[in-house]
N, C-alpha and C. Protein backbone atom coordinates (compact mmCIF):
# COMPACT_ATOMS: atom_id res chain seq x y z
N UNK A 1 28.66 -21.61 6.63
CA UNK A 1 27.91 -20.61 7.40
C UNK A 1 26.47 -20.49 6.92
N UNK A 2 26.31 -20.60 5.59
CA UNK A 2 24.97 -20.43 5.02
C UNK A 2 24.32 -21.76 4.64
N UNK A 3 24.89 -22.86 5.10
CA UNK A 3 24.36 -24.17 4.72
C UNK A 3 22.93 -24.38 5.20
N UNK A 4 22.58 -23.79 6.33
CA UNK A 4 21.24 -24.02 6.89
C UNK A 4 20.13 -23.43 6.00
N UNK A 5 20.49 -22.50 5.10
CA UNK A 5 19.49 -21.88 4.23
C UNK A 5 18.88 -22.88 3.26
N UNK A 6 19.58 -24.00 3.01
CA UNK A 6 19.05 -25.01 2.08
C UNK A 6 17.77 -25.64 2.60
N UNK A 7 17.55 -25.55 3.90
CA UNK A 7 16.35 -26.15 4.50
C UNK A 7 15.15 -25.22 4.48
N UNK A 8 15.33 -24.00 3.97
CA UNK A 8 14.25 -23.02 4.00
C UNK A 8 14.04 -22.42 2.60
N UNK A 9 12.80 -22.11 2.30
CA UNK A 9 12.45 -21.52 0.99
C UNK A 9 12.52 -20.00 1.10
N UNK A 10 13.74 -19.49 1.11
CA UNK A 10 13.94 -18.05 1.28
C UNK A 10 13.38 -17.26 0.10
N UNK A 11 13.68 -17.73 -1.11
CA UNK A 11 13.19 -17.03 -2.30
C UNK A 11 11.66 -17.07 -2.37
N UNK A 12 11.08 -18.19 -1.98
CA UNK A 12 9.62 -18.31 -1.99
C UNK A 12 8.98 -17.34 -1.02
N UNK A 13 9.61 -17.16 0.15
CA UNK A 13 9.07 -16.23 1.14
C UNK A 13 9.11 -14.80 0.62
N UNK A 14 10.23 -14.43 0.00
CA UNK A 14 10.32 -13.07 -0.53
C UNK A 14 9.42 -12.89 -1.76
N UNK A 15 9.18 -13.96 -2.51
CA UNK A 15 8.24 -13.88 -3.62
C UNK A 15 6.83 -13.60 -3.11
N UNK A 16 6.46 -14.22 -1.99
CA UNK A 16 5.18 -13.93 -1.37
C UNK A 16 5.12 -12.47 -0.91
N UNK A 17 6.23 -11.98 -0.37
CA UNK A 17 6.30 -10.56 0.02
C UNK A 17 6.08 -9.65 -1.18
N UNK A 18 6.72 -9.98 -2.29
CA UNK A 18 6.57 -9.18 -3.51
C UNK A 18 5.13 -9.21 -3.99
N UNK A 19 4.50 -10.38 -3.97
CA UNK A 19 3.10 -10.49 -4.40
C UNK A 19 2.19 -9.66 -3.49
N UNK A 20 2.42 -9.75 -2.19
CA UNK A 20 1.64 -8.94 -1.26
C UNK A 20 1.78 -7.46 -1.57
N UNK A 21 3.02 -7.03 -1.80
CA UNK A 21 3.28 -5.61 -2.04
C UNK A 21 2.65 -5.13 -3.34
N UNK A 22 2.80 -5.91 -4.41
CA UNK A 22 2.28 -5.49 -5.72
C UNK A 22 0.76 -5.43 -5.71
N UNK A 23 0.11 -6.49 -5.23
CA UNK A 23 -1.35 -6.50 -5.22
C UNK A 23 -1.91 -5.42 -4.30
N UNK A 24 -1.27 -5.23 -3.15
CA UNK A 24 -1.73 -4.21 -2.22
C UNK A 24 -1.49 -2.81 -2.78
N UNK A 25 -0.39 -2.64 -3.50
CA UNK A 25 -0.10 -1.33 -4.10
C UNK A 25 -1.14 -0.96 -5.15
N UNK A 26 -1.50 -1.92 -5.99
CA UNK A 26 -2.52 -1.66 -7.02
C UNK A 26 -3.86 -1.33 -6.38
N UNK A 27 -4.27 -2.16 -5.41
CA UNK A 27 -5.54 -1.90 -4.73
C UNK A 27 -5.54 -0.58 -3.97
N UNK A 28 -4.43 -0.26 -3.33
CA UNK A 28 -4.34 0.99 -2.57
C UNK A 28 -4.39 2.20 -3.50
N UNK A 29 -3.76 2.08 -4.67
CA UNK A 29 -3.78 3.20 -5.61
C UNK A 29 -5.20 3.46 -6.11
N UNK A 30 -5.94 2.40 -6.39
CA UNK A 30 -7.32 2.56 -6.87
C UNK A 30 -8.21 3.15 -5.79
N UNK A 31 -8.20 2.52 -4.60
CA UNK A 31 -9.06 2.98 -3.52
C UNK A 31 -8.60 4.34 -3.00
N UNK A 32 -7.30 4.57 -2.93
CA UNK A 32 -6.79 5.86 -2.49
C UNK A 32 -7.16 6.99 -3.44
N UNK A 33 -7.17 6.71 -4.74
CA UNK A 33 -7.58 7.72 -5.72
C UNK A 33 -9.05 8.06 -5.56
N UNK A 34 -9.88 7.05 -5.34
CA UNK A 34 -11.30 7.30 -5.11
C UNK A 34 -11.52 8.12 -3.84
N UNK A 35 -10.76 7.81 -2.79
CA UNK A 35 -10.87 8.58 -1.55
C UNK A 35 -10.45 10.04 -1.76
N UNK A 36 -9.39 10.23 -2.53
CA UNK A 36 -8.93 11.60 -2.81
C UNK A 36 -10.00 12.37 -3.60
N UNK A 37 -10.65 11.68 -4.55
CA UNK A 37 -11.72 12.32 -5.31
C UNK A 37 -12.88 12.69 -4.40
N UNK A 38 -13.18 11.82 -3.44
CA UNK A 38 -14.24 12.14 -2.48
C UNK A 38 -13.88 13.36 -1.65
N UNK A 39 -12.64 13.45 -1.22
CA UNK A 39 -12.23 14.51 -0.31
C UNK A 39 -12.24 15.89 -0.98
N UNK A 40 -12.08 15.92 -2.30
CA UNK A 40 -12.10 17.21 -2.99
C UNK A 40 -13.39 17.41 -3.78
N UNK A 41 -14.32 16.47 -3.63
CA UNK A 41 -15.56 16.53 -4.41
C UNK A 41 -16.55 17.53 -3.86
N UNK A 42 -17.61 17.78 -4.62
CA UNK A 42 -18.61 18.78 -4.24
C UNK A 42 -19.72 18.23 -3.33
N UNK A 43 -19.75 16.91 -3.09
CA UNK A 43 -20.82 16.31 -2.29
C UNK A 43 -20.38 16.24 -0.83
N UNK A 44 -21.05 16.95 0.08
CA UNK A 44 -20.63 16.99 1.49
C UNK A 44 -20.56 15.60 2.14
N UNK A 45 -21.52 14.72 1.82
CA UNK A 45 -21.53 13.39 2.42
C UNK A 45 -20.29 12.60 2.04
N UNK A 46 -19.90 12.68 0.78
CA UNK A 46 -18.71 11.96 0.32
C UNK A 46 -17.45 12.58 0.88
N UNK A 47 -17.42 13.91 0.98
CA UNK A 47 -16.26 14.57 1.61
C UNK A 47 -16.13 14.13 3.06
N UNK A 48 -17.25 14.06 3.75
CA UNK A 48 -17.23 13.64 5.14
C UNK A 48 -16.76 12.20 5.29
N UNK A 49 -17.24 11.33 4.40
CA UNK A 49 -16.82 9.93 4.46
C UNK A 49 -15.33 9.80 4.21
N UNK A 50 -14.85 10.49 3.17
CA UNK A 50 -13.42 10.42 2.85
C UNK A 50 -12.56 10.93 3.98
N UNK A 51 -12.95 12.05 4.56
CA UNK A 51 -12.19 12.62 5.67
C UNK A 51 -12.20 11.71 6.88
N UNK A 52 -13.37 11.18 7.22
CA UNK A 52 -13.48 10.29 8.38
C UNK A 52 -12.67 9.01 8.17
N UNK A 53 -12.76 8.44 6.97
CA UNK A 53 -12.03 7.20 6.69
C UNK A 53 -10.53 7.41 6.86
N UNK A 54 -10.00 8.46 6.25
CA UNK A 54 -8.55 8.71 6.30
C UNK A 54 -8.09 8.96 7.73
N UNK A 55 -8.81 9.81 8.44
CA UNK A 55 -8.40 10.16 9.80
C UNK A 55 -8.50 8.98 10.77
N UNK A 56 -9.50 8.13 10.57
CA UNK A 56 -9.67 6.98 11.46
C UNK A 56 -8.65 5.89 11.15
N UNK A 57 -8.55 5.52 9.88
CA UNK A 57 -7.69 4.40 9.49
C UNK A 57 -6.22 4.71 9.75
N UNK A 58 -5.80 5.94 9.48
CA UNK A 58 -4.39 6.29 9.70
C UNK A 58 -3.99 6.19 11.16
N UNK A 59 -4.94 6.27 12.07
CA UNK A 59 -4.64 6.24 13.50
C UNK A 59 -4.90 4.88 14.15
N UNK A 60 -5.19 3.87 13.32
CA UNK A 60 -5.33 2.50 13.81
C UNK A 60 -4.07 1.73 13.44
N UNK A 61 -3.43 1.04 14.39
CA UNK A 61 -2.24 0.24 14.04
C UNK A 61 -2.55 -0.79 12.96
N UNK A 62 -1.61 -0.97 12.05
CA UNK A 62 -1.82 -1.92 10.96
C UNK A 62 -2.04 -3.33 11.49
N UNK A 63 -1.37 -3.69 12.57
CA UNK A 63 -1.54 -5.03 13.14
C UNK A 63 -3.00 -5.27 13.53
N UNK A 64 -3.64 -4.25 14.09
CA UNK A 64 -5.05 -4.38 14.49
C UNK A 64 -5.92 -4.62 13.26
N UNK A 65 -5.64 -3.90 12.19
CA UNK A 65 -6.44 -4.04 10.96
C UNK A 65 -6.26 -5.44 10.38
N UNK A 66 -5.01 -5.91 10.33
CA UNK A 66 -4.74 -7.24 9.78
C UNK A 66 -5.41 -8.32 10.63
N UNK A 67 -5.32 -8.20 11.94
CA UNK A 67 -5.97 -9.19 12.82
C UNK A 67 -7.49 -9.14 12.69
N UNK A 68 -8.03 -7.94 12.47
CA UNK A 68 -9.48 -7.82 12.29
C UNK A 68 -9.94 -8.55 11.03
N UNK A 69 -9.14 -8.46 9.96
CA UNK A 69 -9.53 -9.16 8.73
C UNK A 69 -9.61 -10.66 8.95
N UNK A 70 -8.71 -11.19 9.80
CA UNK A 70 -8.71 -12.62 10.05
C UNK A 70 -9.75 -13.03 11.10
N UNK A 71 -9.68 -12.38 12.26
CA UNK A 71 -10.58 -12.75 13.35
C UNK A 71 -12.00 -12.26 13.14
N UNK A 72 -12.12 -11.05 12.60
CA UNK A 72 -13.44 -10.46 12.42
C UNK A 72 -14.14 -10.91 11.16
N UNK A 73 -13.49 -10.70 10.02
CA UNK A 73 -14.14 -11.00 8.75
C UNK A 73 -14.23 -12.50 8.49
N UNK A 74 -13.12 -13.20 8.72
CA UNK A 74 -13.09 -14.62 8.37
C UNK A 74 -13.69 -15.51 9.45
N UNK A 75 -13.15 -15.46 10.65
CA UNK A 75 -13.57 -16.39 11.70
C UNK A 75 -14.93 -16.05 12.29
N UNK A 76 -15.26 -14.75 12.37
CA UNK A 76 -16.54 -14.36 12.97
C UNK A 76 -17.65 -14.28 11.94
N UNK A 77 -17.40 -13.60 10.82
CA UNK A 77 -18.42 -13.41 9.80
C UNK A 77 -18.39 -14.48 8.72
N UNK A 78 -17.33 -15.27 8.68
CA UNK A 78 -17.26 -16.36 7.71
C UNK A 78 -16.94 -15.93 6.30
N UNK A 79 -16.34 -14.75 6.14
CA UNK A 79 -15.97 -14.26 4.81
C UNK A 79 -14.67 -14.94 4.38
N UNK A 80 -14.71 -15.67 3.26
CA UNK A 80 -13.55 -16.44 2.81
C UNK A 80 -12.94 -15.90 1.52
N UNK A 81 -13.54 -14.88 0.94
CA UNK A 81 -13.02 -14.24 -0.28
C UNK A 81 -12.84 -15.24 -1.42
N UNK A 82 -13.79 -16.14 -1.53
CA UNK A 82 -13.83 -17.03 -2.69
C UNK A 82 -12.86 -18.18 -2.68
N UNK A 83 -12.41 -18.62 -1.50
CA UNK A 83 -11.46 -19.72 -1.46
C UNK A 83 -11.74 -20.59 -0.22
N UNK A 84 -11.40 -21.88 -0.33
CA UNK A 84 -11.53 -22.79 0.80
C UNK A 84 -10.17 -23.14 1.40
N UNK A 85 -9.10 -22.70 0.74
CA UNK A 85 -7.75 -22.99 1.21
C UNK A 85 -7.34 -21.98 2.29
N UNK A 86 -6.88 -22.48 3.42
CA UNK A 86 -6.54 -21.62 4.56
C UNK A 86 -5.46 -20.60 4.20
N UNK A 87 -4.41 -21.03 3.52
CA UNK A 87 -3.31 -20.12 3.17
C UNK A 87 -3.76 -19.06 2.19
N UNK A 88 -4.56 -19.46 1.22
CA UNK A 88 -5.06 -18.50 0.24
C UNK A 88 -5.97 -17.46 0.88
N UNK A 89 -6.83 -17.91 1.79
CA UNK A 89 -7.72 -17.00 2.50
C UNK A 89 -6.91 -15.96 3.27
N UNK A 90 -5.91 -16.43 4.02
CA UNK A 90 -5.09 -15.51 4.81
C UNK A 90 -4.33 -14.53 3.93
N UNK A 91 -3.84 -15.01 2.79
CA UNK A 91 -3.13 -14.13 1.86
C UNK A 91 -4.06 -13.02 1.36
N UNK A 92 -5.26 -13.40 0.95
CA UNK A 92 -6.21 -12.41 0.43
C UNK A 92 -6.67 -11.46 1.52
N UNK A 93 -6.85 -11.97 2.74
CA UNK A 93 -7.22 -11.10 3.85
C UNK A 93 -6.11 -10.12 4.17
N UNK A 94 -4.86 -10.58 4.07
CA UNK A 94 -3.72 -9.68 4.31
C UNK A 94 -3.69 -8.57 3.26
N UNK A 95 -3.94 -8.92 2.00
CA UNK A 95 -3.98 -7.91 0.94
C UNK A 95 -5.10 -6.90 1.22
N UNK A 96 -6.26 -7.41 1.63
CA UNK A 96 -7.38 -6.53 1.94
C UNK A 96 -7.03 -5.57 3.07
N UNK A 97 -6.40 -6.07 4.13
CA UNK A 97 -6.02 -5.21 5.24
C UNK A 97 -4.98 -4.19 4.84
N UNK A 98 -4.00 -4.60 4.05
CA UNK A 98 -2.96 -3.66 3.59
C UNK A 98 -3.56 -2.59 2.69
N UNK A 99 -4.50 -2.97 1.84
CA UNK A 99 -5.16 -1.99 0.96
C UNK A 99 -5.95 -0.99 1.80
N UNK A 100 -6.72 -1.50 2.75
CA UNK A 100 -7.53 -0.61 3.59
C UNK A 100 -6.67 0.41 4.33
N UNK A 101 -5.50 -0.04 4.80
CA UNK A 101 -4.62 0.84 5.57
C UNK A 101 -3.83 1.79 4.66
N UNK A 102 -3.19 1.26 3.63
CA UNK A 102 -2.30 2.05 2.80
C UNK A 102 -3.04 3.07 1.95
N UNK A 103 -4.27 2.77 1.56
CA UNK A 103 -5.03 3.69 0.71
C UNK A 103 -5.25 5.04 1.39
N UNK A 104 -5.30 5.07 2.72
CA UNK A 104 -5.45 6.35 3.43
C UNK A 104 -4.24 7.24 3.19
N UNK A 105 -3.05 6.64 3.15
CA UNK A 105 -1.83 7.41 2.91
C UNK A 105 -1.71 7.79 1.43
N UNK A 106 -2.16 6.90 0.54
CA UNK A 106 -2.18 7.22 -0.88
C UNK A 106 -3.10 8.42 -1.12
N UNK A 107 -4.25 8.42 -0.46
CA UNK A 107 -5.21 9.51 -0.58
C UNK A 107 -4.56 10.85 -0.22
N UNK A 108 -3.86 10.89 0.90
CA UNK A 108 -3.25 12.14 1.34
C UNK A 108 -2.12 12.56 0.42
N UNK A 109 -1.37 11.60 -0.11
CA UNK A 109 -0.30 11.93 -1.06
C UNK A 109 -0.89 12.54 -2.33
N UNK A 110 -1.98 11.95 -2.81
CA UNK A 110 -2.63 12.48 -4.02
C UNK A 110 -3.28 13.83 -3.75
N UNK A 111 -3.85 13.99 -2.56
CA UNK A 111 -4.49 15.26 -2.24
C UNK A 111 -3.46 16.38 -2.18
N UNK A 112 -2.26 16.07 -1.73
CA UNK A 112 -1.20 17.08 -1.74
C UNK A 112 -0.83 17.44 -3.18
N UNK A 113 -0.88 16.44 -4.08
CA UNK A 113 -0.62 16.73 -5.49
C UNK A 113 -1.74 17.54 -6.12
N UNK A 114 -2.98 17.25 -5.73
CA UNK A 114 -4.11 18.02 -6.24
C UNK A 114 -4.00 19.49 -5.83
N UNK A 115 -3.51 19.73 -4.63
CA UNK A 115 -3.38 21.10 -4.14
C UNK A 115 -2.32 21.90 -4.90
N UNK A 116 -1.43 21.20 -5.63
CA UNK A 116 -0.42 21.92 -6.41
C UNK A 116 -0.95 22.40 -7.76
N UNK A 117 -2.12 21.87 -8.17
CA UNK A 117 -2.71 22.27 -9.46
C UNK A 117 -3.39 23.63 -9.30
N UNK A 118 -3.01 24.62 -10.10
CA UNK A 118 -3.63 25.95 -9.98
C UNK A 118 -5.15 25.90 -10.08
N UNK A 119 -5.81 26.62 -9.20
CA UNK A 119 -7.28 26.63 -9.18
C UNK A 119 -7.83 27.14 -10.51
N UNK A 120 -7.11 28.03 -11.14
CA UNK A 120 -7.58 28.60 -12.40
C UNK A 120 -7.78 27.57 -13.49
N UNK A 121 -7.01 26.50 -13.47
CA UNK A 121 -7.16 25.46 -14.49
C UNK A 121 -8.50 24.74 -14.33
N UNK A 122 -8.86 24.43 -13.09
CA UNK A 122 -10.15 23.78 -12.86
C UNK A 122 -11.29 24.71 -13.21
N UNK A 123 -11.15 25.98 -12.86
CA UNK A 123 -12.20 26.95 -13.18
C UNK A 123 -12.36 27.12 -14.68
N UNK A 124 -11.24 27.13 -15.41
CA UNK A 124 -11.30 27.24 -16.86
C UNK A 124 -11.98 26.02 -17.47
N UNK A 125 -11.68 24.85 -16.93
CA UNK A 125 -12.30 23.63 -17.44
C UNK A 125 -13.80 23.63 -17.19
N UNK A 126 -14.21 24.10 -16.01
CA UNK A 126 -15.66 24.18 -15.72
C UNK A 126 -16.33 25.21 -16.61
N UNK A 127 -15.61 26.29 -16.93
CA UNK A 127 -16.17 27.32 -17.81
C UNK A 127 -16.41 26.78 -19.21
N UNK A 128 -15.63 25.76 -19.60
CA UNK A 128 -15.82 25.13 -20.90
C UNK A 128 -16.98 24.14 -20.91
N UNK A 129 -17.58 23.92 -19.75
CA UNK A 129 -18.73 23.03 -19.67
C UNK A 129 -18.42 21.62 -19.21
N UNK A 130 -17.20 21.38 -18.75
CA UNK A 130 -16.85 20.03 -18.29
C UNK A 130 -17.46 19.78 -16.92
N UNK A 131 -17.86 18.52 -16.67
CA UNK A 131 -18.40 18.14 -15.37
C UNK A 131 -17.26 17.99 -14.37
N UNK A 132 -17.65 17.81 -13.09
CA UNK A 132 -16.62 17.64 -12.05
C UNK A 132 -15.76 16.42 -12.35
N UNK A 133 -16.39 15.30 -12.74
CA UNK A 133 -15.62 14.09 -13.04
C UNK A 133 -14.65 14.30 -14.20
N UNK A 134 -15.09 15.04 -15.21
CA UNK A 134 -14.22 15.31 -16.35
C UNK A 134 -13.07 16.24 -15.95
N UNK A 135 -13.36 17.25 -15.16
CA UNK A 135 -12.31 18.16 -14.69
C UNK A 135 -11.27 17.38 -13.87
N UNK A 136 -11.77 16.52 -13.00
CA UNK A 136 -10.87 15.76 -12.14
C UNK A 136 -10.04 14.77 -12.95
N UNK A 137 -10.70 14.04 -13.85
CA UNK A 137 -10.01 13.00 -14.59
C UNK A 137 -9.12 13.49 -15.71
N UNK A 138 -9.51 14.60 -16.36
CA UNK A 138 -8.77 15.07 -17.52
C UNK A 138 -7.77 16.19 -17.21
N UNK A 139 -8.03 16.95 -16.16
CA UNK A 139 -7.20 18.12 -15.89
C UNK A 139 -6.41 17.99 -14.59
N UNK A 140 -7.11 17.66 -13.52
CA UNK A 140 -6.49 17.74 -12.19
C UNK A 140 -5.65 16.50 -11.88
N UNK A 141 -6.23 15.30 -11.96
CA UNK A 141 -5.52 14.10 -11.54
C UNK A 141 -4.25 13.81 -12.34
N UNK A 142 -4.23 14.00 -13.67
CA UNK A 142 -2.97 13.76 -14.39
C UNK A 142 -1.81 14.60 -13.85
N UNK A 143 -2.08 15.86 -13.54
CA UNK A 143 -1.03 16.71 -12.97
C UNK A 143 -0.73 16.33 -11.52
N UNK A 144 -1.78 15.94 -10.79
CA UNK A 144 -1.59 15.55 -9.38
C UNK A 144 -0.71 14.31 -9.28
N UNK A 145 -0.91 13.34 -10.15
CA UNK A 145 -0.09 12.14 -10.12
C UNK A 145 1.38 12.48 -10.40
N UNK A 146 1.61 13.37 -11.35
CA UNK A 146 2.98 13.75 -11.67
C UNK A 146 3.64 14.45 -10.49
N UNK A 147 2.88 15.22 -9.74
CA UNK A 147 3.44 15.93 -8.59
C UNK A 147 3.58 15.03 -7.36
N UNK A 148 2.90 13.88 -7.39
CA UNK A 148 2.85 13.02 -6.20
C UNK A 148 3.74 11.79 -6.29
N UNK A 149 4.56 11.70 -7.32
CA UNK A 149 5.38 10.49 -7.48
C UNK A 149 6.29 10.28 -6.27
N UNK A 150 6.91 11.36 -5.78
CA UNK A 150 7.79 11.24 -4.62
C UNK A 150 7.08 10.75 -3.38
N UNK A 151 5.99 11.40 -2.96
CA UNK A 151 5.24 10.91 -1.81
C UNK A 151 4.68 9.50 -2.00
N UNK A 152 4.22 9.19 -3.21
CA UNK A 152 3.71 7.84 -3.47
C UNK A 152 4.82 6.80 -3.39
N UNK A 153 6.03 7.18 -3.79
CA UNK A 153 7.17 6.27 -3.67
C UNK A 153 7.44 5.94 -2.20
N UNK A 154 7.35 6.96 -1.35
CA UNK A 154 7.54 6.72 0.08
C UNK A 154 6.46 5.79 0.64
N UNK A 155 5.23 5.97 0.17
CA UNK A 155 4.13 5.10 0.62
C UNK A 155 4.38 3.66 0.16
N UNK A 156 4.87 3.49 -1.06
CA UNK A 156 5.14 2.15 -1.58
C UNK A 156 6.24 1.46 -0.79
N UNK A 157 7.30 2.20 -0.47
CA UNK A 157 8.40 1.62 0.31
C UNK A 157 7.89 1.21 1.70
N UNK A 158 7.08 2.07 2.30
CA UNK A 158 6.50 1.74 3.60
C UNK A 158 5.61 0.51 3.49
N UNK A 159 4.89 0.38 2.38
CA UNK A 159 4.01 -0.78 2.17
C UNK A 159 4.83 -2.06 2.10
N UNK A 160 5.95 -2.03 1.38
CA UNK A 160 6.80 -3.22 1.26
C UNK A 160 7.25 -3.69 2.64
N UNK A 161 7.64 -2.73 3.48
CA UNK A 161 8.06 -3.10 4.84
C UNK A 161 6.87 -3.53 5.69
N UNK A 162 5.71 -2.95 5.46
CA UNK A 162 4.53 -3.29 6.24
C UNK A 162 4.00 -4.69 5.94
N UNK A 163 4.44 -5.28 4.83
CA UNK A 163 3.97 -6.64 4.51
C UNK A 163 4.39 -7.63 5.60
N UNK A 164 5.40 -7.28 6.41
CA UNK A 164 5.84 -8.18 7.48
C UNK A 164 4.73 -8.41 8.51
N UNK A 165 3.79 -7.47 8.60
CA UNK A 165 2.70 -7.61 9.57
C UNK A 165 1.79 -8.77 9.19
N UNK A 166 1.79 -9.16 7.91
CA UNK A 166 0.94 -10.28 7.47
C UNK A 166 1.33 -11.58 8.17
N UNK A 167 2.53 -11.63 8.73
CA UNK A 167 2.95 -12.83 9.47
C UNK A 167 2.05 -13.08 10.67
N UNK A 168 1.38 -12.02 11.15
CA UNK A 168 0.52 -12.15 12.33
C UNK A 168 -0.66 -13.09 12.08
N UNK A 169 -1.05 -13.27 10.82
CA UNK A 169 -2.17 -14.18 10.51
C UNK A 169 -1.68 -15.38 9.71
N UNK A 170 -0.37 -15.63 9.75
CA UNK A 170 0.16 -16.86 9.18
C UNK A 170 0.48 -16.83 7.70
N UNK A 171 0.60 -15.66 7.09
CA UNK A 171 0.98 -15.59 5.68
C UNK A 171 2.47 -15.91 5.58
N UNK A 172 2.83 -16.83 4.70
CA UNK A 172 4.21 -17.34 4.64
C UNK A 172 5.12 -16.39 3.88
N UNK A 173 5.29 -15.17 4.40
CA UNK A 173 6.21 -14.22 3.77
C UNK A 173 7.51 -14.16 4.57
N UNK A 174 8.36 -13.17 4.26
CA UNK A 174 9.73 -13.17 4.78
C UNK A 174 9.79 -13.10 6.31
N UNK A 175 8.93 -12.30 6.93
CA UNK A 175 8.99 -12.14 8.39
C UNK A 175 8.62 -13.44 9.11
N UNK A 176 7.63 -14.17 8.57
CA UNK A 176 7.25 -15.45 9.19
C UNK A 176 8.37 -16.46 9.05
N UNK A 177 9.03 -16.47 7.89
CA UNK A 177 10.16 -17.37 7.70
C UNK A 177 11.30 -17.02 8.65
N UNK A 178 11.56 -15.73 8.84
CA UNK A 178 12.61 -15.31 9.76
C UNK A 178 12.31 -15.81 11.17
N UNK A 179 11.07 -15.71 11.59
CA UNK A 179 10.67 -16.19 12.91
C UNK A 179 10.94 -17.69 13.03
N UNK A 180 10.58 -18.44 11.99
CA UNK A 180 10.80 -19.89 12.01
C UNK A 180 12.29 -20.22 12.04
N UNK A 181 13.07 -19.49 11.25
CA UNK A 181 14.51 -19.74 11.20
C UNK A 181 15.18 -19.44 12.53
N UNK A 182 14.77 -18.34 13.17
CA UNK A 182 15.36 -17.97 14.46
C UNK A 182 15.02 -19.00 15.53
N UNK A 183 13.80 -19.55 15.46
CA UNK A 183 13.40 -20.56 16.43
C UNK A 183 14.18 -21.86 16.27
N UNK A 184 14.56 -22.16 15.01
CA UNK A 184 15.21 -23.44 14.74
C UNK A 184 16.73 -23.36 14.70
N UNK A 185 17.27 -22.18 14.43
CA UNK A 185 18.71 -22.02 14.29
C UNK A 185 19.25 -21.07 15.36
N UNK A 186 20.48 -21.26 15.73
CA UNK A 186 21.11 -20.41 16.75
C UNK A 186 22.00 -19.35 16.09
N UNK A 187 21.42 -18.65 15.10
CA UNK A 187 22.20 -17.64 14.36
C UNK A 187 21.34 -16.40 14.15
N UNK A 188 21.02 -15.74 15.25
CA UNK A 188 20.09 -14.61 15.22
C UNK A 188 20.60 -13.48 14.34
N UNK A 189 21.86 -13.05 14.55
CA UNK A 189 22.38 -11.92 13.80
C UNK A 189 22.48 -12.22 12.31
N UNK A 190 22.93 -13.41 11.96
CA UNK A 190 23.07 -13.78 10.55
C UNK A 190 21.71 -13.82 9.86
N UNK A 191 20.73 -14.45 10.50
CA UNK A 191 19.40 -14.55 9.91
C UNK A 191 18.77 -13.17 9.76
N UNK A 192 18.90 -12.34 10.80
CA UNK A 192 18.35 -10.99 10.72
C UNK A 192 19.01 -10.19 9.61
N UNK A 193 20.32 -10.36 9.47
CA UNK A 193 21.04 -9.66 8.41
C UNK A 193 20.59 -10.09 7.03
N UNK A 194 20.34 -11.40 6.83
CA UNK A 194 19.90 -11.91 5.53
C UNK A 194 18.52 -11.34 5.18
N UNK A 195 17.60 -11.36 6.13
CA UNK A 195 16.26 -10.84 5.86
C UNK A 195 16.30 -9.34 5.62
N UNK A 196 17.11 -8.63 6.42
CA UNK A 196 17.23 -7.18 6.24
C UNK A 196 17.81 -6.86 4.86
N UNK A 197 18.81 -7.63 4.44
CA UNK A 197 19.40 -7.43 3.11
C UNK A 197 18.36 -7.66 2.02
N UNK A 198 17.52 -8.67 2.21
CA UNK A 198 16.47 -8.94 1.23
C UNK A 198 15.52 -7.76 1.07
N UNK A 199 15.15 -7.12 2.18
CA UNK A 199 14.26 -5.97 2.09
C UNK A 199 14.97 -4.75 1.48
N UNK A 200 16.27 -4.62 1.74
CA UNK A 200 17.03 -3.54 1.11
C UNK A 200 17.04 -3.72 -0.40
N UNK A 201 17.19 -4.97 -0.85
CA UNK A 201 17.18 -5.27 -2.28
C UNK A 201 15.83 -4.90 -2.90
N UNK A 202 14.76 -5.07 -2.14
CA UNK A 202 13.43 -4.74 -2.66
C UNK A 202 13.16 -3.23 -2.65
N UNK A 203 13.55 -2.57 -1.57
CA UNK A 203 13.14 -1.17 -1.38
C UNK A 203 14.09 -0.15 -2.01
N UNK A 204 15.40 -0.40 -1.94
CA UNK A 204 16.35 0.61 -2.42
C UNK A 204 16.23 0.86 -3.93
N UNK A 205 16.25 -0.17 -4.78
CA UNK A 205 16.06 0.09 -6.22
C UNK A 205 14.71 0.73 -6.52
N UNK A 206 13.67 0.31 -5.79
CA UNK A 206 12.34 0.90 -5.99
C UNK A 206 12.35 2.38 -5.70
N UNK A 207 12.97 2.77 -4.57
CA UNK A 207 13.04 4.18 -4.21
C UNK A 207 13.85 4.99 -5.21
N UNK A 208 14.98 4.45 -5.64
CA UNK A 208 15.84 5.17 -6.61
C UNK A 208 15.13 5.33 -7.95
N UNK A 209 14.46 4.26 -8.41
CA UNK A 209 13.78 4.33 -9.70
C UNK A 209 12.62 5.32 -9.66
N UNK A 210 11.80 5.27 -8.62
CA UNK A 210 10.66 6.18 -8.54
C UNK A 210 11.12 7.61 -8.29
N UNK A 211 12.25 7.79 -7.60
CA UNK A 211 12.80 9.12 -7.47
C UNK A 211 13.22 9.70 -8.81
N UNK A 212 13.81 8.85 -9.65
CA UNK A 212 14.20 9.27 -11.01
C UNK A 212 12.96 9.59 -11.84
N UNK A 213 11.93 8.73 -11.73
CA UNK A 213 10.68 8.98 -12.46
C UNK A 213 10.06 10.29 -12.02
N UNK A 214 10.08 10.54 -10.70
CA UNK A 214 9.50 11.78 -10.18
C UNK A 214 10.15 13.02 -10.76
N UNK A 215 11.46 12.97 -10.92
CA UNK A 215 12.17 14.13 -11.50
C UNK A 215 11.84 14.29 -12.98
N UNK A 216 11.67 13.15 -13.67
CA UNK A 216 11.39 13.22 -15.11
C UNK A 216 9.99 13.75 -15.41
N UNK A 217 9.02 13.39 -14.58
CA UNK A 217 7.63 13.77 -14.88
C UNK A 217 7.17 14.98 -14.09
N UNK A 218 8.04 15.56 -13.29
CA UNK A 218 7.63 16.70 -12.46
C UNK A 218 7.07 17.83 -13.31
N UNK A 219 5.99 18.43 -12.83
CA UNK A 219 5.35 19.53 -13.54
C UNK A 219 6.14 20.81 -13.28
N UNK A 220 6.58 21.45 -14.35
CA UNK A 220 7.31 22.71 -14.21
C UNK A 220 6.33 23.85 -14.01
N UNK A 221 6.45 24.54 -12.90
CA UNK A 221 5.55 25.66 -12.61
C UNK A 221 6.26 26.99 -12.92
């Protein structure tokens, strides 16, 4: 029943999915944290930029963003992200698109965590002479991250599933392999079940582990 799998690099496709998810998660966390800092910052221009970015990007389909990175950045503007290899370029463009999209959700998850930090703590820190960056980095964000583990876990799980959109620009991850297998084999339900099981293996342990971490680091109020 499973003999046809020998003709396909199933593990390699899921390894590409894992790489997409990990790199995009790191980039989204960095950019999302900066966006959250902008949204709660004292500079009106930066607050406006952060708010506009989040509201606009969250309402654009991820497929449109991924296609824009390929058709707009690469084919129209000639941006290759430091590579001449077609597959490498598409992989990096997919990571860029996933980061641009997911960071908006990371920002909102972190902002919800920031809102759980008592205002008095920030005021006390400012009274001690700390700057806004010091208050944010030393007092507010550490507590916000602890309060946001649950929402961030949901964003990460959604990101893992969203990596399938990278197939739209030819990234050789699990969804593209599934499409190829379905076209070549007459076993739609079996192939779909195998790919679905692979994503369950990736997402379920991740959700359970981060849920456990969230309970361990939760701030007691």
